[in-house]
Structure formats: C-alpha cells, structure tokens
Amino acid sequence: MLSIETLDTFDTVYSADSVEFNNEGYFVTGTYQLEESDEESSSKSTRKGRIYLFEIDEDLQLQKLQQIETEAILDQKWYMEK
C-alpha cells in the first residue's frame, strides 16, 4: 500500500493549476482566477494569476523565493539555455 505524507503546505490564494519541478530542488506553481463582471458593468471578465517560485530546503520545507502577479497561468515549462 502506498503511503503519502504531507510535509508542508502553502495557500496559493487562487486555484493552483500547474506545477513544474526541476532536478535542483526548485519548482514553480502557476495559479488562475477568473473574476466575473457584474451584470451592471459593461466590462468583461478578467483573468488573474500568480507564479510562485519555491525551493525545497534540507528539512523538506517549502521556501518561497519569488511571487509574480500576472495573467492566468495554465501551463509552464522550464527553459534551460544550452
């Protein structure tokens, strides 16, 4: 039987919908939030999101290194220059 243990938690505020790991102990999480316009307003719905960069420390705890406000993030990939 597979046993899963939670080591740490983090509230992303918006819905987290993508996670991308690398081999050096870092990962990014992308979030998405759709804000509907009210019926009285003529403005359209807006999409917001955040990108979080984390490091997993030697105690297996999350360390948030950076947070970027942006439009909704649906997918991410690491780009490594050669």
N, C-alpha and C. Protein backbone atom coordinates (compact mmCIF):
# COMPACT_ATOMS: atom_id res chain seq x y z
N MET A 1 0.84 -1.18 0.00
CA MET A 1 0.00 0.00 0.00
C MET A 1 0.88 1.24 0.00
N LEU A 2 0.51 2.21 -0.81
CA LEU A 2 1.23 3.47 -0.93
C LEU A 2 0.87 4.38 0.24
N SER A 3 1.88 4.93 0.89
CA SER A 3 1.67 5.85 2.00
C SER A 3 2.13 7.24 1.59
N ILE A 4 1.26 8.23 1.75
CA ILE A 4 1.56 9.61 1.39
C ILE A 4 1.51 10.45 2.65
N GLU A 5 2.55 11.28 2.82
CA GLU A 5 2.63 12.14 3.99
C GLU A 5 2.80 13.59 3.54
N THR A 6 2.01 14.50 4.10
CA THR A 6 2.15 15.93 3.81
C THR A 6 3.31 16.49 4.61
N LEU A 7 4.28 17.10 3.92
CA LEU A 7 5.45 17.65 4.58
C LEU A 7 5.32 19.14 4.86
N ASP A 8 4.57 19.85 4.02
CA ASP A 8 4.40 21.29 4.18
C ASP A 8 3.19 21.71 3.37
N THR A 9 2.65 22.88 3.66
CA THR A 9 1.51 23.41 2.92
C THR A 9 1.74 24.89 2.63
N PHE A 10 1.03 25.39 1.62
CA PHE A 10 1.11 26.80 1.25
C PHE A 10 -0.21 27.20 0.60
N ASP A 11 -0.78 28.31 1.03
CA ASP A 11 -2.03 28.80 0.45
C ASP A 11 -1.71 29.68 -0.76
N THR A 12 -2.08 29.23 -1.95
CA THR A 12 -1.81 29.98 -3.18
C THR A 12 -2.86 31.06 -3.45
N VAL A 13 -3.88 31.15 -2.64
CA VAL A 13 -4.99 32.10 -2.73
C VAL A 13 -5.86 31.80 -3.96
N TYR A 14 -5.29 31.86 -5.16
CA TYR A 14 -6.03 31.49 -6.37
C TYR A 14 -5.88 29.98 -6.57
N SER A 15 -6.67 29.43 -7.48
CA SER A 15 -6.60 28.00 -7.78
C SER A 15 -5.25 27.67 -8.43
N ALA A 16 -4.54 26.72 -7.83
CA ALA A 16 -3.26 26.27 -8.40
C ALA A 16 -3.57 25.25 -9.48
N ASP A 17 -3.04 25.47 -10.69
CA ASP A 17 -3.36 24.54 -11.77
C ASP A 17 -2.15 24.06 -12.56
N SER A 18 -0.94 24.47 -12.17
CA SER A 18 0.23 23.90 -12.82
C SER A 18 1.40 23.90 -11.84
N VAL A 19 2.17 22.85 -11.91
CA VAL A 19 3.40 22.72 -11.10
C VAL A 19 4.47 22.14 -12.01
N GLU A 20 5.65 22.72 -11.96
CA GLU A 20 6.76 22.24 -12.78
C GLU A 20 8.01 22.18 -11.90
N PHE A 21 8.61 20.98 -11.81
CA PHE A 21 9.80 20.75 -11.00
C PHE A 21 11.05 20.74 -11.88
N ASN A 22 12.19 21.02 -11.25
CA ASN A 22 13.46 20.77 -11.93
C ASN A 22 14.28 19.82 -11.04
N ASN A 23 15.47 19.47 -11.47
CA ASN A 23 16.29 18.49 -10.74
C ASN A 23 17.17 19.12 -9.67
N GLU A 24 17.01 20.41 -9.39
CA GLU A 24 17.87 21.08 -8.44
C GLU A 24 17.14 21.52 -7.18
N GLY A 25 15.96 20.97 -6.91
CA GLY A 25 15.22 21.29 -5.69
C GLY A 25 14.31 22.50 -5.80
N TYR A 26 14.04 22.94 -7.03
CA TYR A 26 13.16 24.09 -7.24
C TYR A 26 11.89 23.64 -7.96
N PHE A 27 10.81 24.39 -7.72
CA PHE A 27 9.62 24.19 -8.53
C PHE A 27 8.82 25.48 -8.60
N VAL A 28 8.01 25.60 -9.64
CA VAL A 28 7.13 26.74 -9.82
C VAL A 28 5.69 26.25 -9.83
N THR A 29 4.82 27.10 -9.32
CA THR A 29 3.39 26.82 -9.31
C THR A 29 2.69 28.00 -9.98
N GLY A 30 1.79 27.70 -10.90
CA GLY A 30 1.00 28.73 -11.57
C GLY A 30 -0.43 28.68 -11.07
N THR A 31 -1.05 29.85 -10.94
CA THR A 31 -2.42 29.91 -10.44
C THR A 31 -3.31 30.64 -11.43
N TYR A 32 -4.61 30.49 -11.22
CA TYR A 32 -5.61 31.03 -12.14
C TYR A 32 -6.81 31.48 -11.32
N GLN A 33 -7.32 32.66 -11.62
CA GLN A 33 -8.56 33.14 -11.00
C GLN A 33 -9.33 33.93 -12.04
N LEU A 34 -10.58 33.56 -12.25
CA LEU A 34 -11.45 34.29 -13.16
C LEU A 34 -12.38 35.15 -12.32
N GLU A 35 -12.36 36.46 -12.56
CA GLU A 35 -13.25 37.37 -11.86
C GLU A 35 -14.34 37.79 -12.82
N GLU A 36 -15.55 37.34 -12.52
CA GLU A 36 -16.69 37.65 -13.37
C GLU A 36 -17.09 39.11 -13.18
N SER A 37 -17.49 39.75 -14.26
CA SER A 37 -18.00 41.11 -14.15
C SER A 37 -19.45 41.04 -13.65
N ASP A 38 -19.87 42.07 -12.94
CA ASP A 38 -21.27 42.08 -12.51
C ASP A 38 -22.15 42.48 -13.69
N GLU A 39 -23.43 42.17 -13.58
CA GLU A 39 -24.34 42.39 -14.71
C GLU A 39 -24.51 43.87 -15.05
N GLU A 40 -24.32 44.75 -14.07
CA GLU A 40 -24.49 46.18 -14.31
C GLU A 40 -23.28 46.79 -15.01
N SER A 41 -22.16 46.13 -14.93
CA SER A 41 -20.94 46.66 -15.53
C SER A 41 -20.81 46.18 -16.97
N SER A 42 -20.26 47.03 -17.81
CA SER A 42 -20.08 46.65 -19.21
C SER A 42 -18.71 46.00 -19.43
N SER A 43 -17.88 45.94 -18.39
CA SER A 43 -16.54 45.36 -18.56
C SER A 43 -16.61 43.84 -18.62
N LYS A 44 -15.63 43.27 -19.26
CA LYS A 44 -15.57 41.82 -19.41
C LYS A 44 -14.98 41.18 -18.17
N SER A 45 -15.08 39.87 -18.08
CA SER A 45 -14.43 39.14 -17.00
C SER A 45 -12.92 39.27 -17.15
N THR A 46 -12.22 39.24 -16.03
CA THR A 46 -10.77 39.34 -16.08
C THR A 46 -10.14 38.08 -15.49
N ARG A 47 -8.99 37.72 -16.03
CA ARG A 47 -8.24 36.57 -15.54
C ARG A 47 -7.01 37.10 -14.80
N LYS A 48 -6.77 36.57 -13.62
CA LYS A 48 -5.58 36.93 -12.88
C LYS A 48 -4.85 35.66 -12.49
N GLY A 49 -3.60 35.82 -12.20
CA GLY A 49 -2.82 34.67 -11.78
C GLY A 49 -1.54 35.08 -11.08
N ARG A 50 -0.85 34.10 -10.56
CA ARG A 50 0.43 34.31 -9.91
C ARG A 50 1.36 33.15 -10.28
N ILE A 51 2.64 33.46 -10.30
CA ILE A 51 3.66 32.43 -10.42
C ILE A 51 4.46 32.46 -9.12
N TYR A 52 4.58 31.32 -8.48
CA TYR A 52 5.39 31.19 -7.27
C TYR A 52 6.60 30.34 -7.58
N LEU A 53 7.77 30.78 -7.14
CA LEU A 53 8.99 30.00 -7.23
C LEU A 53 9.36 29.54 -5.83
N PHE A 54 9.50 28.23 -5.67
CA PHE A 54 9.83 27.63 -4.38
C PHE A 54 11.13 26.85 -4.45
N GLU A 55 11.77 26.74 -3.31
CA GLU A 55 12.89 25.83 -3.12
C GLU A 55 12.50 24.89 -1.99
N ILE A 56 12.90 23.63 -2.11
CA ILE A 56 12.67 22.66 -1.03
C ILE A 56 13.97 22.59 -0.24
N ASP A 57 13.92 22.99 1.04
CA ASP A 57 15.16 23.05 1.82
C ASP A 57 15.55 21.67 2.36
N GLU A 58 16.65 21.63 3.09
CA GLU A 58 17.18 20.36 3.60
C GLU A 58 16.25 19.67 4.59
N ASP A 59 15.32 20.43 5.20
CA ASP A 59 14.33 19.85 6.12
C ASP A 59 13.03 19.49 5.40
N LEU A 60 13.06 19.53 4.08
CA LEU A 60 11.91 19.24 3.22
C LEU A 60 10.76 20.22 3.45
N GLN A 61 11.09 21.46 3.76
CA GLN A 61 10.11 22.53 3.92
C GLN A 61 10.17 23.44 2.70
N LEU A 62 9.03 24.05 2.37
CA LEU A 62 8.97 24.97 1.22
C LEU A 62 9.50 26.34 1.62
N GLN A 63 10.33 26.89 0.77
CA GLN A 63 10.80 28.26 0.94
C GLN A 63 10.38 29.03 -0.30
N LYS A 64 9.45 30.00 -0.12
CA LYS A 64 9.01 30.81 -1.27
C LYS A 64 10.12 31.81 -1.59
N LEU A 65 10.63 31.75 -2.81
CA LEU A 65 11.70 32.64 -3.24
C LEU A 65 11.19 33.85 -4.01
N GLN A 66 10.09 33.67 -4.74
CA GLN A 66 9.59 34.77 -5.56
C GLN A 66 8.11 34.57 -5.86
N GLN A 67 7.41 35.69 -6.02
CA GLN A 67 6.00 35.69 -6.39
C GLN A 67 5.80 36.77 -7.44
N ILE A 68 5.18 36.42 -8.55
CA ILE A 68 4.95 37.37 -9.64
C ILE A 68 3.45 37.42 -9.93
N GLU A 69 2.89 38.62 -9.94
CA GLU A 69 1.49 38.83 -10.32
C GLU A 69 1.43 38.91 -11.85
N THR A 70 0.49 38.18 -12.45
CA THR A 70 0.41 38.13 -13.90
C THR A 70 -1.00 37.74 -14.31
N GLU A 71 -1.21 37.53 -15.58
CA GLU A 71 -2.48 36.96 -16.03
C GLU A 71 -2.50 35.48 -15.67
N ALA A 72 -3.60 34.85 -15.87
CA ALA A 72 -3.77 33.45 -15.50
C ALA A 72 -2.68 32.57 -16.11
N ILE A 73 -2.17 31.64 -15.32
CA ILE A 73 -1.14 30.70 -15.76
C ILE A 73 -1.79 29.32 -15.87
N LEU A 74 -1.80 28.78 -17.07
CA LEU A 74 -2.40 27.48 -17.30
C LEU A 74 -1.37 26.37 -17.44
N ASP A 75 -0.15 26.71 -17.86
CA ASP A 75 0.90 25.70 -18.03
C ASP A 75 2.25 26.41 -17.99
N GLN A 76 3.29 25.67 -17.60
CA GLN A 76 4.63 26.22 -17.52
C GLN A 76 5.65 25.16 -17.91
N LYS A 77 6.79 25.59 -18.39
CA LYS A 77 7.90 24.70 -18.71
C LYS A 77 9.19 25.41 -18.35
N TRP A 78 10.17 24.67 -17.88
CA TRP A 78 11.49 25.22 -17.62
C TRP A 78 12.19 25.47 -18.94
N TYR A 79 12.92 26.56 -19.02
CA TYR A 79 13.75 26.86 -20.19
C TYR A 79 15.20 26.88 -19.72
N MET A 80 16.00 25.98 -20.22
CA MET A 80 17.41 25.92 -19.86
C MET A 80 18.24 26.26 -21.07
N GLU A 81 19.03 27.33 -20.97
CA GLU A 81 19.90 27.69 -22.09
C GLU A 81 21.02 26.68 -22.21
N LYS A 82 21.40 26.41 -23.45
CA LYS A 82 22.48 25.45 -23.68
C LYS A 82 23.76 26.17 -23.91
